[in-house]
Amino acid sequence: MEITEIIIALLTLTAGIGVFLMACQTMSGHLESASSKRLKRLFSKTGNNKWVGVGIGTIATAAIQSSSAMTVMVIGFVDVGIMSLTQAATIIYGANIGTTVTAQMVALGMAGSGAISLTLVFGALTGIGLFMQLLGKREAIKQAGGIMAGFGLLFVGLKMMADAMAGFAALNEVRLLLAGIDNSLLLVLLGAVLTGLLQSSSVMTTIVITMLFSGLINLDQGIYLTMGSNIGTTVTALIAGMTSGTNAKRTAVIHFLFNTIGTVLFIAIALLMLLFTDGNWNFGRIFGQIFHGQPQLQLAMFHTVFNITTMLAVLPLTNTLVKLSCRVVKERKSQTDPAEPHFYFLDRKMLSTPVVAVRQLKAEIEHMAQMAMDNFHRSIRIVTSMDFGEVESFRRTENELNYLNAELVNFTVQLFDSKLGRFDHQYLTTSIRSMCDLERIGDYAENIVEYAETLRQHDSAFSSDAVEEILNMQHLIDKLYDDIMQAYHKLDNEALQRAYVTEDSIDDFTETMEQNHIERLSCGVCDPATGAEYISLAQNTERIADHLINVGNTIRDLVNLK
């Protein structure tokens, strides 16, 4: 009979862990999608203020309910140079605090007595959330339903794990076995190993809380297992870091050092209490008296205090921790040729964090726009001065624009299947058009350089009046570009309206350029060999303006989704 009970308890525990993990993934995905714009605003505010970093890490992790996902996200930022090691370290500190929210929710769910507990009440939200997803017509309702269903599943899994622990608690052999594990270092090691295998400190902490609640372990055992889980959770970051660049590896090391320092600190405090109080005081007794009769809350509160105290202890030592990580992971020579076309703000690893990928995609497109305009300016300098010293730089940038257009489209297509909000999906839809428009600007700039080469072959050049008109047109294009990029970056409709006015001026000035050049040709001021090239140049600059307007027009649908 006992063998049957053990099998049933093991199956129930496995099922409970599976449901809990699924709940974490479901809730995390929908929360990340629903809060994508807020997360992007948070990360954009990351500066050198360490407290700001801690706050961002705490809030963002509490929002997406996964410190592992947050840490991997930060490693990706550091890997592509978006974030410094110091900034990443402070966000990781905050992520450790943010992840304690799960333990607090679990403790809350176990509250209540009698026939109906809060676990069952919260578990019922699974059905409500699924009905909202099935019947809801608006995206916001479906997202809310997904979050609610994930939240409810969290407690369904918790109930299954608690039932499994209750089954184990009824077996004297299991109780005696666990009671025999009282070595604090062994418990820390066990917690670290199990968390590393589960790849989730939230799941491990929840299992420990249910074991404590069921009477399988005492509070002191739960505390040391929880300390170990904080070390074990760094395995995910270490795996992510080891497959990335040097600074990404250093970030993973910082995460490991932070959690290890916290564990060592609390073990040292425990030893001091043991020595100076003759064993009368320990963490278990302190939290047991403060939260009397609520074992699940006792452990959840220790988990929170542990991470906040560790953060306060390590925050002043952040620079030292960064230097230590640099010594552990030495700088390696880059195997990538900086002259080769490459992404500046994106990395393919970011596909695993779609919310961040969309934000960085926008930064990449804005940088691509600047590259296209740089080449436009080079083409104007070449054609007006007939100095071809910048041709190599021009060719290199044109090659890079072609690369970015092809690779960014491919990257964007891969993002389409991600769980993103309506705003981000709409942005992805419009971004492909923007990439093509920017690549076309580069092509028109290339045409202008070809006109200059034709003039050189005929040993000719534009007249001073023609050059002045070309420079005036460049000034109008620059003004248009500034307004378009402000509209694009800030979703500023007023800037877009100003751009429309400038575009009308460009259309009018194009006609003026053509008429003036015909007059100059008729008066013999300009060489006839320059006639076709000048008219084509004027038309090309007008088309550049058209493509810039196309980029700006993409914000019209996005403004209503802000």
Protein backbone atom coordinates (compact mmCIF):
# COMPACT_ATOMS: atom_id res chain seq x y z
CA MET A 1 0.00 0.00 0.00
CA GLU A 2 2.85 2.37 0.85
CA ILE A 3 4.46 1.81 -2.59
CA THR A 4 1.18 2.76 -4.25
CA GLU A 5 0.95 5.89 -2.09
CA ILE A 6 4.51 6.84 -2.98
CA ILE A 7 3.84 6.39 -6.72
CA ILE A 8 0.64 8.45 -6.49
CA ALA A 9 2.44 11.18 -4.53
CA LEU A 10 5.33 11.25 -7.05
CA LEU A 11 2.95 11.45 -10.01
CA THR A 12 0.94 14.19 -8.33
CA LEU A 13 4.10 16.13 -7.51
CA THR A 14 5.38 15.81 -11.10
CA ALA A 15 2.01 16.93 -12.47
CA GLY A 16 1.91 19.83 -10.02
CA ILE A 17 5.40 20.99 -11.01
CA GLY A 18 4.42 20.75 -14.69
CA VAL A 19 1.24 22.78 -14.18
CA PHE A 20 3.14 25.35 -12.08
CA LEU A 21 5.84 25.76 -14.77
CA MET A 22 3.19 26.07 -17.49
CA ALA A 23 1.42 28.68 -15.37
CA CYS A 24 4.65 30.65 -14.97
CA GLN A 25 5.28 30.58 -18.74
CA THR A 26 1.66 31.48 -19.58
CA MET A 27 1.48 34.33 -17.11
CA SER A 28 4.97 35.56 -17.99
CA GLY A 29 4.21 35.60 -21.73
CA HIS A 30 0.92 37.48 -21.38
CA LEU A 31 2.29 39.89 -18.77
CA GLU A 32 5.33 40.62 -20.96
CA SER A 33 3.05 41.24 -23.94
CA ALA A 34 0.58 43.40 -22.02
CA SER A 35 3.31 45.46 -20.37
CA SER A 36 5.64 45.63 -23.38
CA LYS A 37 5.43 49.41 -23.80
CA ARG A 38 5.95 49.97 -20.08
CA LEU A 39 8.93 47.60 -20.04
CA LYS A 40 10.47 49.40 -22.99
CA ARG A 41 10.04 52.76 -21.25
CA LEU A 42 11.62 51.31 -18.10
CA PHE A 43 14.68 49.99 -19.91
CA SER A 44 15.10 53.28 -21.79
CA LYS A 45 15.52 54.99 -18.41
CA THR A 46 18.38 52.74 -17.34
CA GLY A 47 21.24 55.04 -16.43
CA ASN A 48 24.23 55.04 -14.12
CA ASN A 49 22.11 55.52 -10.98
CA LYS A 50 22.39 52.19 -9.17
CA TRP A 51 19.11 52.60 -7.30
CA VAL A 52 17.30 53.21 -10.58
CA GLY A 53 18.74 49.94 -11.89
CA VAL A 54 17.58 48.05 -8.79
CA GLY A 55 14.11 49.57 -9.10
CA ILE A 56 13.84 48.70 -12.79
CA GLY A 57 14.97 45.13 -12.15
CA THR A 58 12.47 44.72 -9.32
CA ILE A 59 9.49 46.16 -11.19
CA ALA A 60 10.23 44.44 -14.49
CA THR A 61 10.75 41.03 -12.87
CA ALA A 62 7.60 41.39 -10.79
CA ALA A 63 5.80 42.23 -14.05
CA ILE A 64 6.97 39.25 -16.10
CA GLN A 65 7.26 36.88 -13.12
CA SER A 66 10.62 35.39 -14.08
CA SER A 67 14.01 36.41 -12.75
CA SER A 68 15.66 33.90 -15.13
CA ALA A 69 14.01 35.56 -18.16
CA MET A 70 15.01 38.99 -16.86
CA THR A 71 18.62 37.93 -16.30
CA VAL A 72 18.89 36.33 -19.74
CA MET A 73 17.39 39.53 -21.19
CA VAL A 74 20.00 41.65 -19.41
CA ILE A 75 22.79 39.35 -20.62
CA GLY A 76 21.54 39.93 -24.16
CA PHE A 77 21.67 43.71 -23.59
CA VAL A 78 25.22 43.57 -22.34
CA ASP A 79 26.25 41.24 -25.16
CA VAL A 80 25.27 43.79 -27.84
CA GLY A 81 26.59 46.79 -25.90
CA ILE A 82 23.25 48.35 -24.95
CA MET A 83 23.95 48.16 -21.24
CA SER A 84 27.12 48.43 -19.17
CA LEU A 85 28.18 45.76 -16.68
CA THR A 86 27.39 48.11 -13.80
CA GLN A 87 23.88 48.77 -15.08
CA ALA A 88 23.32 45.06 -15.66
CA ALA A 89 24.51 44.21 -12.14
CA THR A 90 22.03 46.57 -10.46
CA ILE A 91 19.15 45.28 -12.57
CA ILE A 92 20.06 41.71 -11.57
CA TYR A 93 19.98 42.77 -7.90
CA GLY A 94 16.46 44.08 -8.46
CA ALA A 95 15.45 40.95 -10.35
CA ASN A 96 16.30 38.86 -7.29
CA ILE A 97 13.95 41.01 -5.23
CA GLY A 98 11.22 40.97 -7.87
CA THR A 99 11.19 37.18 -8.03
CA THR A 100 10.17 36.98 -4.34
CA VAL A 101 6.69 38.11 -5.40
CA THR A 102 5.95 34.52 -6.50
CA ALA A 103 6.73 33.15 -3.04
CA GLN A 104 4.53 35.82 -1.47
CA MET A 105 1.66 34.85 -3.79
CA VAL A 106 2.12 31.19 -2.88
CA ALA A 107 2.06 32.06 0.84
CA LEU A 108 -1.10 34.11 0.28
CA GLY A 109 -2.73 31.24 -1.61
CA MET A 110 -2.15 28.88 1.31
CA ALA A 111 -3.91 31.24 3.70
CA GLY A 112 -7.46 30.55 4.81
CA SER A 113 -9.02 27.67 6.63
CA GLY A 114 -12.06 25.45 6.49
CA ALA A 115 -13.52 23.82 3.40
CA ILE A 116 -12.52 26.62 1.01
CA SER A 117 -8.95 27.93 0.92
CA LEU A 118 -7.61 30.83 -1.11
CA THR A 119 -5.74 28.28 -3.24
CA LEU A 120 -9.06 26.95 -4.55
CA VAL A 121 -10.50 30.45 -4.96
CA PHE A 122 -7.49 31.61 -6.96
CA GLY A 123 -7.38 28.32 -8.89
CA ALA A 124 -10.93 28.98 -10.09
CA LEU A 125 -9.57 32.00 -11.98
CA THR A 126 -8.14 29.50 -14.51
CA GLY A 127 -11.60 28.79 -15.90
CA ILE A 128 -12.64 32.45 -15.85
CA GLY A 129 -9.47 33.47 -17.67
CA LEU A 130 -9.87 30.78 -20.34
CA PHE A 131 -13.47 31.85 -20.96
CA MET A 132 -12.24 35.43 -21.38
CA GLN A 133 -9.69 34.26 -23.94
CA LEU A 134 -12.24 32.20 -25.85
CA LEU A 135 -15.09 34.70 -25.82
CA GLY A 136 -13.27 38.03 -25.68
CA LYS A 137 -13.14 40.02 -28.89
CA ARG A 138 -10.72 42.76 -27.84
CA GLU A 139 -7.00 42.05 -27.54
CA ALA A 140 -6.86 43.63 -24.09
CA ILE A 141 -9.57 41.28 -22.79
CA LYS A 142 -7.80 38.23 -24.23
CA GLN A 143 -4.51 39.30 -22.65
CA ALA A 144 -6.22 39.86 -19.30
CA GLY A 145 -7.79 36.42 -19.65
CA GLY A 146 -4.40 34.86 -20.36
CA ILE A 147 -2.87 36.53 -17.30
CA MET A 148 -5.82 35.42 -15.15
CA ALA A 149 -5.65 31.85 -16.47
CA GLY A 150 -1.90 31.70 -15.80
CA PHE A 151 -2.41 33.12 -12.32
CA GLY A 152 -5.11 30.53 -11.61
CA LEU A 153 -3.00 27.66 -12.97
CA LEU A 154 -0.25 28.75 -10.59
CA PHE A 155 -2.49 27.79 -7.69
CA VAL A 156 -3.82 24.65 -9.37
CA GLY A 157 -0.21 23.46 -9.59
CA LEU A 158 0.37 24.61 -6.02
CA LYS A 159 -2.65 22.59 -4.81
CA MET A 160 -1.38 19.48 -6.58
CA MET A 161 2.10 19.90 -5.06
CA ALA A 162 0.60 20.48 -1.60
CA ASP A 163 -1.51 17.31 -1.96
CA ALA A 164 1.60 15.37 -3.00
CA MET A 165 3.52 16.71 0.01
CA ALA A 166 0.63 15.74 2.27
CA GLY A 167 0.93 12.22 0.88
CA PHE A 168 4.64 12.14 1.61
CA ALA A 169 4.03 13.60 5.08
CA ALA A 170 1.87 10.58 5.91
CA LEU A 171 4.83 8.25 5.34
CA ASN A 172 7.05 7.87 8.39
CA GLU A 173 10.02 6.73 6.30
CA VAL A 174 9.98 9.96 4.27
CA ARG A 175 9.60 12.11 7.38
CA LEU A 176 12.51 10.34 9.09
CA LEU A 177 14.69 10.65 5.98
CA LEU A 178 14.12 14.40 5.68
CA ALA A 179 14.46 14.96 9.39
CA GLY A 180 17.93 13.40 9.18
CA ILE A 181 19.14 16.12 6.77
CA ASP A 182 20.02 18.87 9.22
CA ASN A 183 23.45 19.95 7.95
CA SER A 184 23.03 23.53 6.72
CA LEU A 185 25.70 23.30 4.01
CA LEU A 186 24.23 20.05 2.71
CA LEU A 187 20.78 21.67 2.55
CA VAL A 188 22.20 24.66 0.65
CA LEU A 189 23.92 22.31 -1.81
CA LEU A 190 20.73 20.26 -2.22
CA GLY A 191 18.69 23.40 -2.86
CA ALA A 192 21.21 24.60 -5.46
CA VAL A 193 21.32 21.27 -7.31
CA LEU A 194 17.54 20.81 -7.39
CA THR A 195 17.01 24.40 -8.58
CA GLY A 196 19.65 23.95 -11.27
CA LEU A 197 17.79 20.85 -12.50
CA LEU A 198 14.38 22.54 -12.37
CA GLN A 199 15.77 25.74 -13.98
CA SER A 200 13.43 27.79 -11.78
CA SER A 201 13.96 29.19 -8.29
CA SER A 202 10.25 30.05 -8.15
CA VAL A 203 9.29 26.38 -8.55
CA MET A 204 11.92 25.26 -6.05
CA THR A 205 10.85 27.85 -3.47
CA THR A 206 7.22 26.83 -3.97
CA ILE A 207 8.07 23.15 -3.42
CA VAL A 208 9.96 24.05 -0.25
CA ILE A 209 7.02 26.14 1.01
CA THR A 210 4.58 23.28 0.39
CA MET A 211 6.95 20.85 2.15
CA LEU A 212 7.10 23.20 5.13
CA PHE A 213 3.34 23.73 5.12
CA SER A 214 2.78 19.96 5.05
CA GLY A 215 5.15 19.38 7.95
CA LEU A 216 7.73 17.44 5.95
CA ILE A 217 10.55 19.84 6.90
CA ASN A 218 11.04 22.47 9.56
CA LEU A 219 11.57 26.18 8.95
CA ASP A 220 15.36 26.05 9.34
CA GLN A 221 15.61 23.34 6.68
CA GLY A 222 13.37 25.41 4.38
CA ILE A 223 15.53 28.49 4.91
CA TYR A 224 18.76 26.73 3.88
CA LEU A 225 17.09 25.05 0.90
CA THR A 226 15.87 28.49 -0.19
CA MET A 227 19.38 29.92 0.15
CA GLY A 228 20.62 27.13 -2.09
CA SER A 229 17.89 27.84 -4.64
CA ASN A 230 19.28 31.36 -5.02
CA ILE A 231 22.60 29.88 -6.14
CA GLY A 232 20.97 27.22 -8.32
CA THR A 233 18.94 29.80 -10.25
CA THR A 234 22.18 31.28 -11.63
CA VAL A 235 22.63 28.14 -13.76
CA THR A 236 20.25 29.54 -16.41
CA ALA A 237 22.24 32.77 -16.62
CA LEU A 238 25.56 30.91 -16.70
CA ILE A 239 24.34 28.77 -19.62
CA ALA A 240 23.13 31.88 -21.48
CA GLY A 241 26.35 33.73 -20.73
CA MET A 242 28.69 30.95 -21.78
CA THR A 243 27.22 30.96 -25.30
CA SER A 244 27.59 34.74 -25.61
CA GLY A 245 30.31 37.37 -25.67
CA THR A 246 32.85 38.34 -23.04
CA ASN A 247 30.71 40.91 -21.23
CA ALA A 248 27.73 38.55 -21.26
CA LYS A 249 29.87 35.95 -19.49
CA ARG A 250 30.91 38.58 -16.97
CA THR A 251 27.25 39.43 -16.33
CA ALA A 252 26.51 35.77 -15.62
CA VAL A 253 29.48 35.67 -13.23
CA ILE A 254 28.18 38.79 -11.43
CA HIS A 255 24.80 37.09 -11.00
CA PHE A 256 26.48 34.01 -9.55
CA LEU A 257 28.72 36.06 -7.23
CA PHE A 258 25.79 38.17 -6.00
CA ASN A 259 23.69 35.18 -4.98
CA THR A 260 26.67 33.31 -3.55
CA ILE A 261 27.73 36.33 -1.47
CA GLY A 262 24.20 36.56 -0.08
CA THR A 263 24.22 32.89 0.92
CA VAL A 264 27.67 33.12 2.52
CA LEU A 265 26.62 36.28 4.37
CA PHE A 266 23.52 34.66 5.86
CA ILE A 267 25.35 31.45 6.77
CA ALA A 268 27.95 33.61 8.56
CA ILE A 269 25.17 35.46 10.43
CA ALA A 270 23.62 32.11 11.38
CA LEU A 271 26.97 30.89 12.76
CA LEU A 272 27.42 34.09 14.77
CA MET A 273 23.95 33.66 16.29
CA LEU A 274 24.81 30.06 17.11
CA LEU A 275 28.05 31.08 18.84
CA PHE A 276 26.84 34.13 20.76
CA THR A 277 23.40 32.88 21.82
CA ASP A 278 24.38 29.28 22.68
CA GLY A 279 22.07 28.07 19.91
CA ASN A 280 19.01 29.79 21.36
CA TRP A 281 18.48 32.01 18.32
CA ASN A 282 18.48 31.26 14.62
CA PHE A 283 16.62 32.43 11.54
CA GLY A 284 13.91 29.84 12.04
CA ARG A 285 13.11 31.05 15.54
CA ILE A 286 13.20 34.75 14.57
CA PHE A 287 10.81 34.42 11.62
CA GLY A 288 8.73 31.84 13.49
CA GLN A 289 8.03 34.33 16.27
CA ILE A 290 7.40 37.29 13.99
CA PHE A 291 4.92 35.37 11.79
CA HIS A 292 3.62 32.95 14.40
CA GLY A 293 1.50 30.04 13.16
CA GLN A 294 2.00 30.81 9.44
CA PRO A 295 4.91 28.65 8.21
CA GLN A 296 4.35 29.48 4.55
CA LEU A 297 4.54 33.23 5.31
CA GLN A 298 7.61 32.73 7.51
CA LEU A 299 9.61 31.25 4.61
CA ALA A 300 8.24 33.68 2.02
CA MET A 301 9.23 36.64 4.20
CA PHE A 302 12.70 35.18 4.80
CA HIS A 303 13.10 34.85 1.02
CA THR A 304 12.25 38.55 0.60
CA VAL A 305 14.45 39.71 3.49
CA PHE A 306 17.33 37.57 2.20
CA ASN A 307 17.31 39.21 -1.23
CA ILE A 308 16.77 42.77 0.01
CA THR A 309 19.57 42.43 2.60
CA THR A 310 21.93 40.93 0.02
CA MET A 311 21.17 43.82 -2.33
CA LEU A 312 21.87 46.40 0.38
CA ALA A 313 25.15 44.65 1.28
CA VAL A 314 26.41 44.21 -2.29
CA LEU A 315 25.19 47.47 -3.92
CA PRO A 316 28.12 49.58 -2.55
CA LEU A 317 30.50 46.87 -3.81
CA THR A 318 29.13 46.83 -7.36
CA ASN A 319 32.23 48.35 -8.97
CA THR A 320 34.42 45.84 -7.14
CA LEU A 321 32.16 43.02 -8.31
CA VAL A 322 32.43 44.27 -11.90
CA LYS A 323 36.24 44.39 -11.68
CA LEU A 324 36.31 40.88 -10.20
CA SER A 325 34.15 39.55 -13.04
CA CYS A 326 36.57 41.15 -15.52
CA ARG A 327 39.45 39.30 -13.87
CA VAL A 328 37.57 36.01 -13.90
CA VAL A 329 36.57 36.41 -17.57
CA LYS A 330 39.48 37.87 -19.51
CA GLU A 331 39.00 40.03 -22.58
CA ARG A 332 39.27 38.11 -25.80
CA LYS A 333 40.16 39.40 -29.23
CA SER A 334 37.15 39.95 -31.44
CA GLN A 335 36.91 37.53 -34.32
CA THR A 336 34.48 39.80 -36.14
CA ASP A 337 35.80 42.28 -38.68
CA PRO A 338 34.29 45.67 -37.71
CA ALA A 339 34.33 46.62 -41.39
CA GLU A 340 31.92 43.81 -42.22
CA PRO A 341 28.19 44.66 -42.28
CA HIS A 342 26.55 43.89 -38.94
CA PHE A 343 23.71 44.79 -36.58
CA TYR A 344 24.38 47.70 -34.23
CA PHE A 345 21.55 47.33 -31.72
CA LEU A 346 20.17 43.85 -32.36
CA ASP A 347 21.33 40.34 -31.68
CA ARG A 348 19.59 37.16 -32.80
CA LYS A 349 19.50 35.99 -29.18
CA MET A 350 16.95 38.76 -28.60
CA LEU A 351 14.37 36.69 -30.47
CA SER A 352 13.86 34.93 -27.14
CA THR A 353 12.81 38.27 -25.60
CA PRO A 354 10.44 39.73 -28.24
CA VAL A 355 9.49 42.86 -26.27
CA VAL A 356 13.13 43.94 -26.14
CA ALA A 357 13.73 42.82 -29.72
CA VAL A 358 11.02 45.18 -31.01
CA ARG A 359 12.52 48.10 -29.10
CA GLN A 360 15.98 47.38 -30.47
CA LEU A 361 14.61 46.83 -33.97
CA LYS A 362 13.31 50.39 -33.87
CA ALA A 363 16.73 51.64 -32.78
CA GLU A 364 18.31 49.67 -35.64
CA ILE A 365 15.92 51.19 -38.19
CA GLU A 366 16.58 54.71 -36.89
CA HIS A 367 20.32 54.05 -37.20
CA MET A 368 19.75 52.72 -40.72
CA ALA A 369 17.96 56.00 -41.53
CA GLN A 370 20.98 57.96 -40.31
CA MET A 371 23.29 55.80 -42.46
CA ALA A 372 21.11 56.43 -45.52
CA MET A 373 21.22 60.19 -44.86
CA ASP A 374 24.98 60.08 -44.33
CA ASN A 375 25.33 58.57 -47.79
CA PHE A 376 22.97 61.18 -49.23
CA HIS A 377 25.23 63.88 -47.79
CA ARG A 378 28.32 62.16 -49.21
CA SER A 379 26.70 61.98 -52.64
CA ILE A 380 25.86 65.71 -52.54
CA ARG A 381 29.42 66.60 -51.50
CA ILE A 382 30.84 64.46 -54.29
CA VAL A 383 28.58 65.85 -57.04
CA THR A 384 28.96 69.49 -55.98
CA SER A 385 32.72 69.46 -55.40
CA MET A 386 33.69 66.68 -57.86
CA ASP A 387 35.95 65.37 -55.09
CA PHE A 388 35.72 61.54 -55.07
CA GLY A 389 37.68 61.00 -51.85
CA GLU A 390 34.58 59.70 -50.03
CA VAL A 391 33.61 57.12 -52.64
CA GLU A 392 35.03 54.19 -50.65
CA SER A 393 33.12 55.21 -47.53
CA PHE A 394 30.02 55.62 -49.68
CA ARG A 395 30.35 52.13 -51.19
CA ARG A 396 30.92 50.57 -47.78
CA THR A 397 27.82 52.24 -46.32
CA GLU A 398 25.71 51.30 -49.36
CA ASN A 399 26.78 47.69 -48.94
CA GLU A 400 25.81 47.88 -45.26
CA LEU A 401 22.39 49.35 -46.10
CA ASN A 402 21.70 46.45 -48.45
CA TYR A 403 22.78 43.99 -45.76
CA LEU A 404 20.61 45.62 -43.08
CA ASN A 405 17.57 45.70 -45.34
CA ALA A 406 17.78 41.96 -46.05
CA GLU A 407 18.72 40.86 -42.52
CA LEU A 408 16.28 43.13 -40.70
CA VAL A 409 13.40 41.90 -42.83
CA ASN A 410 14.38 38.32 -41.98
CA PHE A 411 14.65 39.19 -38.27
CA THR A 412 11.25 40.92 -38.31
CA VAL A 413 9.53 37.97 -39.99
CA GLN A 414 10.83 35.71 -37.21
CA LEU A 415 9.31 38.07 -34.62
CA PHE A 416 5.82 37.86 -36.14
CA ASP A 417 5.05 34.58 -34.35
CA SER A 418 5.92 36.02 -30.93
CA LYS A 419 3.38 36.88 -28.25
CA LEU A 420 3.27 40.64 -28.60
CA GLY A 421 0.62 43.29 -28.11
CA ARG A 422 -1.30 44.93 -30.95
CA PHE A 423 1.01 47.96 -30.93
CA ASP A 424 4.16 45.89 -31.41
CA HIS A 425 2.55 43.68 -34.06
CA GLN A 426 1.39 46.76 -35.96
CA TYR A 427 4.89 48.23 -35.67
CA LEU A 428 6.43 45.06 -37.12
CA THR A 429 4.00 45.21 -40.03
CA THR A 430 5.01 48.77 -40.90
CA SER A 431 8.72 48.36 -40.17
CA ILE A 432 9.39 46.16 -43.22
CA ARG A 433 8.10 48.95 -45.46
CA SER A 434 10.32 51.45 -43.63
CA MET A 435 13.43 49.31 -44.18
CA CYS A 436 12.73 49.14 -47.91
CA ASP A 437 12.16 52.91 -48.07
CA LEU A 438 15.47 53.60 -46.35
CA GLU A 439 17.31 51.20 -48.63
CA ARG A 440 15.81 53.03 -51.62
CA ILE A 441 17.15 56.33 -50.26
CA GLY A 442 20.58 54.75 -50.40
CA ASP A 443 19.94 53.69 -54.02
CA TYR A 444 19.00 57.23 -55.04
CA ALA A 445 22.13 58.54 -53.34
CA GLU A 446 24.06 55.99 -55.38
CA ASN A 447 22.43 57.39 -58.55
CA ILE A 448 23.70 60.87 -57.61
CA VAL A 449 27.26 59.54 -57.27
CA GLU A 450 26.89 57.94 -60.73
CA TYR A 451 25.84 61.34 -62.14
CA ALA A 452 29.06 62.79 -60.69
CA GLU A 453 31.07 60.02 -62.37
CA THR A 454 29.37 60.78 -65.70
CA LEU A 455 30.28 64.46 -65.34
CA ARG A 456 33.89 63.49 -64.63
CA GLN A 457 33.98 61.38 -67.78
CA HIS A 458 32.87 64.44 -69.77
CA ASP A 459 35.31 66.66 -67.88
CA SER A 460 32.34 68.77 -66.81
CA ALA A 461 30.73 70.09 -63.62
CA PHE A 462 27.62 71.92 -62.45
CA SER A 463 27.63 75.71 -62.47
CA SER A 464 27.83 77.68 -59.23
CA ASP A 465 24.11 78.51 -59.49
CA ALA A 466 23.25 74.83 -59.94
CA VAL A 467 25.44 73.89 -56.97
CA GLU A 468 23.70 76.51 -54.80
CA GLU A 469 20.30 75.06 -55.73
CA ILE A 470 21.49 71.53 -54.94
CA LEU A 471 22.68 72.68 -51.51
CA ASN A 472 19.35 74.44 -50.89
CA MET A 473 17.55 71.20 -51.78
CA GLN A 474 19.82 69.34 -49.35
CA HIS A 475 18.83 71.80 -46.63
CA LEU A 476 15.13 71.08 -47.28
CA ILE A 477 15.74 67.32 -47.25
CA ASP A 478 17.60 67.67 -43.93
CA LYS A 479 14.71 69.61 -42.44
CA LEU A 480 12.30 66.96 -43.66
CA TYR A 481 14.49 64.20 -42.20
CA ASP A 482 14.62 65.87 -38.77
CA ASP A 483 10.82 66.15 -38.59
CA ILE A 484 10.27 62.62 -39.88
CA MET A 485 12.64 61.07 -37.36
CA GLN A 486 11.08 63.04 -34.51
CA ALA A 487 7.67 61.81 -35.65
CA TYR A 488 8.96 58.25 -35.98
CA HIS A 489 10.82 58.12 -32.68
CA LYS A 490 8.24 59.86 -30.48
CA LEU A 491 5.08 59.09 -32.51
CA ASP A 492 4.76 62.85 -32.83
CA ASN A 493 1.88 63.68 -35.19
CA GLU A 494 2.67 67.41 -35.09
CA ALA A 495 6.17 66.74 -36.41
CA LEU A 496 4.62 64.64 -39.20
CA GLN A 497 2.36 67.52 -40.16
CA ARG A 498 5.38 69.82 -40.37
CA ALA A 499 7.05 67.23 -42.59
CA TYR A 500 4.11 67.33 -45.01
CA VAL A 501 4.56 71.10 -45.38
CA THR A 502 8.30 70.65 -46.05
CA GLU A 503 7.54 67.94 -48.63
CA ASP A 504 5.29 70.38 -50.52
CA SER A 505 8.16 72.89 -50.51
CA ILE A 506 10.47 70.21 -51.91
CA ASP A 507 8.02 69.40 -54.72
CA ASP A 508 7.81 73.09 -55.62
CA PHE A 509 11.57 73.55 -55.42
CA THR A 510 12.14 70.53 -57.68
CA GLU A 511 10.11 72.25 -60.41
CA THR A 512 12.07 75.46 -59.80
CA MET A 513 15.37 73.59 -60.17
CA GLU A 514 14.26 72.06 -63.47
CA GLN A 515 13.02 75.40 -64.89
CA ASN A 516 16.14 77.31 -63.78
CA HIS A 517 18.43 74.69 -65.28
CA ILE A 518 16.62 74.82 -68.63
CA GLU A 519 17.06 78.60 -68.62
CA ARG A 520 20.77 78.23 -67.83
CA LEU A 521 21.14 75.75 -70.68
CA SER A 522 19.38 78.09 -73.10
CA CYS A 523 21.63 80.97 -72.02
CA GLY A 524 24.77 78.85 -72.34
CA VAL A 525 25.60 79.17 -68.64
CA CYS A 526 25.66 75.38 -68.20
CA ASP A 527 27.28 72.72 -70.34
CA PRO A 528 24.63 70.66 -72.21
CA ALA A 529 26.40 67.52 -70.95
CA THR A 530 25.17 68.37 -67.46
CA GLY A 531 21.53 68.82 -68.46
CA ALA A 532 20.22 65.26 -68.10
CA GLU A 533 22.22 64.62 -64.92
CA TYR A 534 20.92 67.75 -63.20
CA ILE A 535 17.26 67.05 -64.01
CA SER A 536 17.69 63.44 -62.85
CA LEU A 537 19.39 64.62 -59.67
CA ALA A 538 16.49 66.95 -58.87
CA GLN A 539 14.00 64.14 -59.42
CA ASN A 540 16.04 61.74 -57.30
CA THR A 541 16.14 64.14 -54.36
CA GLU A 542 12.36 64.52 -54.64
CA ARG A 543 12.00 60.73 -54.49
CA ILE A 544 14.23 60.63 -51.42
CA ALA A 545 11.76 63.03 -49.81
CA ASP A 546 8.89 60.71 -50.84
CA HIS A 547 10.55 57.72 -49.14
CA LEU A 548 11.15 59.75 -45.99
CA ILE A 549 7.46 60.66 -45.95
CA ASN A 550 6.63 56.95 -46.31
CA VAL A 551 8.65 56.26 -43.16
CA GLY A 552 6.78 58.99 -41.32
CA ASN A 553 3.39 57.76 -42.50
CA THR A 554 3.90 54.50 -40.60
CA ILE A 555 3.16 56.27 -37.32
CA ARG A 556 -0.41 57.19 -38.28
CA ASP A 557 -1.86 53.82 -37.30
CA LEU A 558 0.48 53.51 -34.33
CA VAL A 559 -0.58 56.82 -32.75
CA ASN A 560 -4.06 55.44 -32.04
CA LEU A 561 -2.58 52.35 -30.34
CA LYS A 562 -0.31 54.23 -27.89
